Amino acid sequence: MTHDEITPAKELDCVGLYCPIPIAQTKEAIETVKVGEVLMVEADDPAAEEDIKAWAKHTGHELMKIERAGSIMTFYIKRTK
């Protein structure tokens, strides 16, 4: 599977929410997808990129891709455990 073919099992909309809400909701949402599945998170909080990168590294989940469209960032996170 190439990164262009990522099909998220679940989508989480955190647009308009600010730290720490996007990361808290991401933590909850990753538990609702199966290991190996992908959670897509959209956020516009400037802190979200660093927060989600650090969270993924800390928890061991794989941050597969980050897309940007204007102020919106889309994160693709694969559950690894």
N, C-alpha and C. Protein backbone atom coordinates (compact mmCIF):
# COMPACT_ATOMS: atom_id res chain seq x y z
N MET A 1 0.85 -1.20 0.00
CA MET A 1 0.00 0.00 0.00
C MET A 1 0.89 1.24 0.00
N THR A 2 0.68 2.11 -0.95
CA THR A 2 1.41 3.37 -0.95
C THR A 2 0.65 4.37 -0.09
N HIS A 3 1.32 5.45 0.29
CA HIS A 3 0.66 6.46 1.12
C HIS A 3 -0.51 7.10 0.39
N ASP A 4 -0.50 7.08 -0.93
CA ASP A 4 -1.61 7.68 -1.69
C ASP A 4 -2.88 6.85 -1.57
N GLU A 5 -2.75 5.62 -1.11
CA GLU A 5 -3.90 4.73 -1.04
C GLU A 5 -4.36 4.48 0.39
N ILE A 6 -4.02 5.37 1.29
CA ILE A 6 -4.43 5.21 2.68
C ILE A 6 -5.95 5.36 2.78
N THR A 7 -6.59 4.34 3.34
CA THR A 7 -8.03 4.39 3.56
C THR A 7 -8.28 4.35 5.06
N PRO A 8 -8.66 5.49 5.65
CA PRO A 8 -8.86 5.48 7.09
C PRO A 8 -10.07 4.65 7.50
N ALA A 9 -9.93 3.95 8.62
CA ALA A 9 -11.05 3.20 9.19
C ALA A 9 -11.99 4.15 9.91
N LYS A 10 -11.46 5.28 10.35
CA LYS A 10 -12.26 6.25 11.10
C LYS A 10 -11.69 7.64 10.84
N GLU A 11 -12.58 8.65 10.85
CA GLU A 11 -12.16 10.04 10.68
C GLU A 11 -12.56 10.82 11.92
N LEU A 12 -11.66 11.71 12.35
CA LEU A 12 -11.90 12.54 13.53
C LEU A 12 -11.72 14.00 13.14
N ASP A 13 -12.76 14.80 13.36
CA ASP A 13 -12.73 16.22 13.01
C ASP A 13 -12.45 17.05 14.26
N CYS A 14 -11.25 17.61 14.33
CA CYS A 14 -10.87 18.46 15.47
C CYS A 14 -10.71 19.92 15.04
N VAL A 15 -11.24 20.27 13.87
CA VAL A 15 -11.12 21.65 13.38
C VAL A 15 -11.87 22.57 14.34
N GLY A 16 -11.21 23.66 14.72
CA GLY A 16 -11.80 24.62 15.64
C GLY A 16 -11.54 24.31 17.10
N LEU A 17 -10.88 23.18 17.37
CA LEU A 17 -10.56 22.80 18.74
C LEU A 17 -9.08 23.08 19.02
N TYR A 18 -8.78 23.42 20.26
CA TYR A 18 -7.40 23.79 20.59
C TYR A 18 -6.86 22.91 21.71
N CYS A 19 -5.55 22.85 21.76
CA CYS A 19 -4.80 22.05 22.72
C CYS A 19 -5.43 22.19 24.11
N PRO A 20 -5.67 21.12 24.81
CA PRO A 20 -5.27 19.74 24.51
C PRO A 20 -6.37 18.88 23.90
N ILE A 21 -7.47 19.49 23.44
CA ILE A 21 -8.62 18.71 22.98
C ILE A 21 -8.28 17.79 21.78
N PRO A 22 -7.61 18.30 20.72
CA PRO A 22 -7.35 17.38 19.59
C PRO A 22 -6.55 16.13 20.00
N ILE A 23 -5.56 16.30 20.85
CA ILE A 23 -4.76 15.14 21.23
C ILE A 23 -5.56 14.22 22.15
N ALA A 24 -6.39 14.77 23.01
CA ALA A 24 -7.23 13.95 23.89
C ALA A 24 -8.22 13.13 23.06
N GLN A 25 -8.82 13.77 22.06
CA GLN A 25 -9.78 13.05 21.21
C GLN A 25 -9.07 12.01 20.34
N THR A 26 -7.84 12.33 19.89
CA THR A 26 -7.06 11.37 19.10
C THR A 26 -6.76 10.13 19.94
N LYS A 27 -6.37 10.33 21.19
CA LYS A 27 -6.09 9.20 22.10
C LYS A 27 -7.30 8.30 22.22
N GLU A 28 -8.49 8.90 22.40
CA GLU A 28 -9.72 8.10 22.52
C GLU A 28 -10.06 7.39 21.22
N ALA A 29 -9.92 8.12 20.10
CA ALA A 29 -10.34 7.56 18.80
C ALA A 29 -9.44 6.42 18.34
N ILE A 30 -8.14 6.48 18.66
CA ILE A 30 -7.24 5.41 18.20
C ILE A 30 -7.64 4.08 18.83
N GLU A 31 -8.26 4.13 20.01
CA GLU A 31 -8.70 2.91 20.69
C GLU A 31 -9.91 2.28 20.01
N THR A 32 -10.57 3.02 19.13
CA THR A 32 -11.79 2.51 18.49
C THR A 32 -11.52 1.87 17.13
N VAL A 33 -10.26 1.93 16.66
CA VAL A 33 -9.91 1.24 15.42
C VAL A 33 -9.05 0.03 15.76
N LYS A 34 -9.03 -0.95 14.87
CA LYS A 34 -8.26 -2.17 15.11
C LYS A 34 -6.77 -1.91 14.84
N VAL A 35 -5.93 -2.73 15.45
CA VAL A 35 -4.50 -2.67 15.18
C VAL A 35 -4.28 -2.84 13.67
N GLY A 36 -3.47 -1.98 13.09
CA GLY A 36 -3.21 -2.02 11.65
C GLY A 36 -4.11 -1.10 10.85
N GLU A 37 -5.20 -0.62 11.48
CA GLU A 37 -6.09 0.31 10.79
C GLU A 37 -5.61 1.74 10.99
N VAL A 38 -6.16 2.65 10.17
CA VAL A 38 -5.70 4.03 10.16
C VAL A 38 -6.81 4.96 10.65
N LEU A 39 -6.40 5.89 11.51
CA LEU A 39 -7.26 6.97 11.98
C LEU A 39 -6.84 8.24 11.26
N MET A 40 -7.80 8.93 10.65
CA MET A 40 -7.53 10.21 10.01
C MET A 40 -8.01 11.31 10.95
N VAL A 41 -7.14 12.27 11.25
CA VAL A 41 -7.47 13.37 12.14
C VAL A 41 -7.27 14.68 11.39
N GLU A 42 -8.30 15.53 11.39
CA GLU A 42 -8.18 16.88 10.81
C GLU A 42 -8.17 17.89 11.95
N ALA A 43 -7.22 18.83 11.88
CA ALA A 43 -7.11 19.85 12.92
C ALA A 43 -6.56 21.13 12.32
N ASP A 44 -6.90 22.26 12.95
CA ASP A 44 -6.34 23.54 12.50
C ASP A 44 -5.59 24.25 13.63
N ASP A 45 -5.44 23.59 14.77
CA ASP A 45 -4.65 24.16 15.87
C ASP A 45 -3.18 24.10 15.47
N PRO A 46 -2.48 25.25 15.45
CA PRO A 46 -1.05 25.23 15.06
C PRO A 46 -0.21 24.28 15.92
N ALA A 47 -0.62 24.04 17.16
CA ALA A 47 0.13 23.14 18.04
C ALA A 47 -0.12 21.67 17.72
N ALA A 48 -1.14 21.38 16.95
CA ALA A 48 -1.53 19.98 16.71
C ALA A 48 -0.42 19.18 16.04
N GLU A 49 0.32 19.78 15.11
CA GLU A 49 1.36 19.02 14.41
C GLU A 49 2.40 18.49 15.39
N GLU A 50 2.95 19.37 16.21
CA GLU A 50 3.96 18.93 17.18
C GLU A 50 3.35 17.98 18.21
N ASP A 51 2.13 18.29 18.66
CA ASP A 51 1.48 17.45 19.66
C ASP A 51 1.26 16.03 19.13
N ILE A 52 0.75 15.92 17.91
CA ILE A 52 0.44 14.60 17.37
C ILE A 52 1.71 13.84 17.04
N LYS A 53 2.74 14.53 16.53
CA LYS A 53 4.03 13.86 16.28
C LYS A 53 4.59 13.30 17.58
N ALA A 54 4.59 14.11 18.64
CA ALA A 54 5.13 13.67 19.93
C ALA A 54 4.30 12.54 20.52
N TRP A 55 2.97 12.66 20.41
CA TRP A 55 2.09 11.62 20.94
C TRP A 55 2.31 10.29 20.22
N ALA A 56 2.41 10.34 18.89
CA ALA A 56 2.62 9.11 18.11
C ALA A 56 3.94 8.45 18.49
N LYS A 57 4.98 9.26 18.63
CA LYS A 57 6.30 8.72 19.02
C LYS A 57 6.23 8.11 20.41
N HIS A 58 5.57 8.79 21.33
CA HIS A 58 5.46 8.34 22.72
C HIS A 58 4.65 7.05 22.84
N THR A 59 3.58 6.94 22.06
CA THR A 59 2.69 5.78 22.17
C THR A 59 3.08 4.64 21.23
N GLY A 60 3.95 4.93 20.26
CA GLY A 60 4.38 3.88 19.34
C GLY A 60 3.48 3.71 18.12
N HIS A 61 2.45 4.55 17.98
CA HIS A 61 1.61 4.47 16.77
C HIS A 61 2.35 5.14 15.62
N GLU A 62 2.04 4.74 14.40
CA GLU A 62 2.77 5.23 13.23
C GLU A 62 2.04 6.42 12.60
N LEU A 63 2.70 7.57 12.60
CA LEU A 63 2.19 8.74 11.89
C LEU A 63 2.64 8.57 10.44
N MET A 64 1.71 8.15 9.58
CA MET A 64 2.05 7.77 8.21
C MET A 64 2.23 8.98 7.29
N LYS A 65 1.42 10.00 7.52
CA LYS A 65 1.39 11.10 6.56
C LYS A 65 0.72 12.31 7.19
N ILE A 66 1.19 13.51 6.78
CA ILE A 66 0.53 14.75 7.16
C ILE A 66 0.26 15.52 5.87
N GLU A 67 -0.97 15.94 5.69
CA GLU A 67 -1.33 16.76 4.52
C GLU A 67 -1.75 18.13 5.04
N ARG A 68 -1.50 19.16 4.23
CA ARG A 68 -1.90 20.51 4.60
C ARG A 68 -2.73 21.12 3.49
N ALA A 69 -3.82 21.76 3.88
CA ALA A 69 -4.65 22.51 2.93
C ALA A 69 -5.06 23.79 3.66
N GLY A 70 -4.38 24.87 3.37
CA GLY A 70 -4.63 26.11 4.10
C GLY A 70 -4.24 25.92 5.55
N SER A 71 -5.15 26.23 6.46
CA SER A 71 -4.83 26.09 7.89
C SER A 71 -5.16 24.70 8.42
N ILE A 72 -5.75 23.85 7.57
CA ILE A 72 -6.17 22.51 8.00
C ILE A 72 -5.04 21.51 7.77
N MET A 73 -4.72 20.76 8.81
CA MET A 73 -3.76 19.66 8.68
C MET A 73 -4.53 18.35 8.84
N THR A 74 -4.16 17.39 8.01
CA THR A 74 -4.77 16.07 8.08
C THR A 74 -3.68 15.06 8.41
N PHE A 75 -3.89 14.33 9.50
CA PHE A 75 -2.92 13.34 9.97
C PHE A 75 -3.48 11.95 9.74
N TYR A 76 -2.62 11.06 9.26
CA TYR A 76 -2.99 9.65 9.08
C TYR A 76 -2.15 8.83 10.06
N ILE A 77 -2.82 8.24 11.04
CA ILE A 77 -2.13 7.54 12.12
C ILE A 77 -2.53 6.07 12.11
N LYS A 78 -1.54 5.19 11.98
CA LYS A 78 -1.82 3.75 12.00
C LYS A 78 -1.68 3.22 13.41
N ARG A 79 -2.72 2.53 13.89
CA ARG A 79 -2.65 1.92 15.22
C ARG A 79 -1.71 0.71 15.16
N THR A 80 -0.75 0.68 16.05
CA THR A 80 0.26 -0.38 16.01
C THR A 80 0.12 -1.39 17.15
N LYS A 81 -0.71 -1.05 18.17
CA LYS A 81 -0.84 -1.99 19.28
C LYS A 81 -2.18 -1.83 19.97
